[in-house]
Amino acid sequence: MIIKSIIESRSEPQIDGRFWATELHTHDDGTEERYNTLFDEGTDVESVMLGRAAAMNEGEQNRELVL
């Protein structure tokens, strides 16, 4: 289960307005996952991060059900 998700860094916008952001997700067992993503100008990066964390948690729950 994800216990902490943060936006670790965000680049200056490129000439077309897009920017890079790095997310860090920490699981309850201590493992970490980083995602570097190029976003369009105006994207709500925090919403994307929270959605990714929710999807990872759902995937973990589904694996637990199968075991």
Protein backbone atom coordinates (compact mmCIF):
# COMPACT_ATOMS: atom_id res chain seq x y z
CA MET A 1 0.00 0.00 0.00
CA ILE A 2 1.21 3.52 -0.77
CA ILE A 3 1.82 5.47 2.41
CA LYS A 4 3.36 8.62 0.94
CA SER A 5 3.30 10.32 -2.46
CA ILE A 6 5.05 13.59 -3.28
CA ILE A 7 6.04 15.69 -6.26
CA GLU A 8 9.79 15.47 -5.85
CA SER A 9 10.73 18.01 -8.51
CA ARG A 10 9.29 20.08 -11.32
CA SER A 11 11.33 21.58 -14.18
CA GLU A 12 11.09 25.04 -15.65
CA PRO A 13 8.63 25.11 -18.57
CA GLN A 14 10.01 24.35 -22.01
CA ILE A 15 9.44 26.78 -24.88
CA ASP A 16 6.11 25.06 -25.67
CA GLY A 17 4.97 25.25 -22.03
CA ARG A 18 5.44 21.57 -21.22
CA PHE A 19 7.39 20.63 -18.10
CA TRP A 20 8.90 17.58 -16.43
CA ALA A 21 7.78 16.43 -12.99
CA THR A 22 9.14 13.62 -10.84
CA GLU A 23 6.80 11.77 -8.49
CA LEU A 24 8.02 9.64 -5.59
CA HIS A 25 5.69 6.99 -4.16
CA THR A 26 6.73 5.11 -1.00
CA HIS A 27 5.09 1.79 -0.14
CA ASP A 28 4.46 0.54 3.40
CA ASP A 29 7.28 -2.03 2.96
CA GLY A 30 9.76 0.77 2.21
CA THR A 31 10.06 0.29 -1.54
CA GLU A 32 9.97 3.43 -3.65
CA GLU A 33 8.76 4.10 -7.18
CA ARG A 34 9.72 7.21 -9.16
CA TYR A 35 7.96 8.45 -12.27
CA ASN A 36 9.38 11.13 -14.55
CA THR A 37 6.63 12.51 -16.76
CA LEU A 38 6.44 15.27 -19.35
CA PHE A 39 3.22 17.22 -18.74
CA ASP A 40 1.36 19.73 -20.85
CA GLU A 41 1.08 23.28 -19.57
CA GLY A 42 -1.80 23.61 -17.12
CA THR A 43 -1.89 19.93 -16.10
CA ASP A 44 -2.82 19.35 -12.45
CA VAL A 45 0.22 17.26 -11.56
CA GLU A 46 -0.98 16.53 -8.04
CA SER A 47 -4.22 14.99 -9.37
CA VAL A 48 -2.23 12.81 -11.75
CA MET A 49 0.05 11.72 -8.90
CA LEU A 50 -2.88 10.90 -6.60
CA GLY A 51 -4.60 8.95 -9.38
CA ARG A 52 -1.43 6.94 -10.02
CA ALA A 53 -1.11 6.18 -6.28
CA ALA A 54 -4.75 5.05 -6.14
CA ALA A 55 -4.22 2.77 -9.16
CA MET A 56 -1.11 1.25 -7.57
CA ASN A 57 -3.01 0.62 -4.32
CA GLU A 58 -5.86 -1.00 -6.24
CA GLY A 59 -3.41 -3.21 -8.10
CA GLU A 60 -1.85 -4.33 -4.81
CA GLN A 61 -5.27 -5.12 -3.34
CA ASN A 62 -6.15 -7.19 -6.42
CA ARG A 63 -2.90 -9.17 -6.11
CA GLU A 64 -3.66 -9.85 -2.44
CA LEU A 65 -7.09 -11.22 -3.37
CA VAL A 66 -5.54 -13.63 -5.87
CA LEU A 67 -3.01 -14.95 -3.36
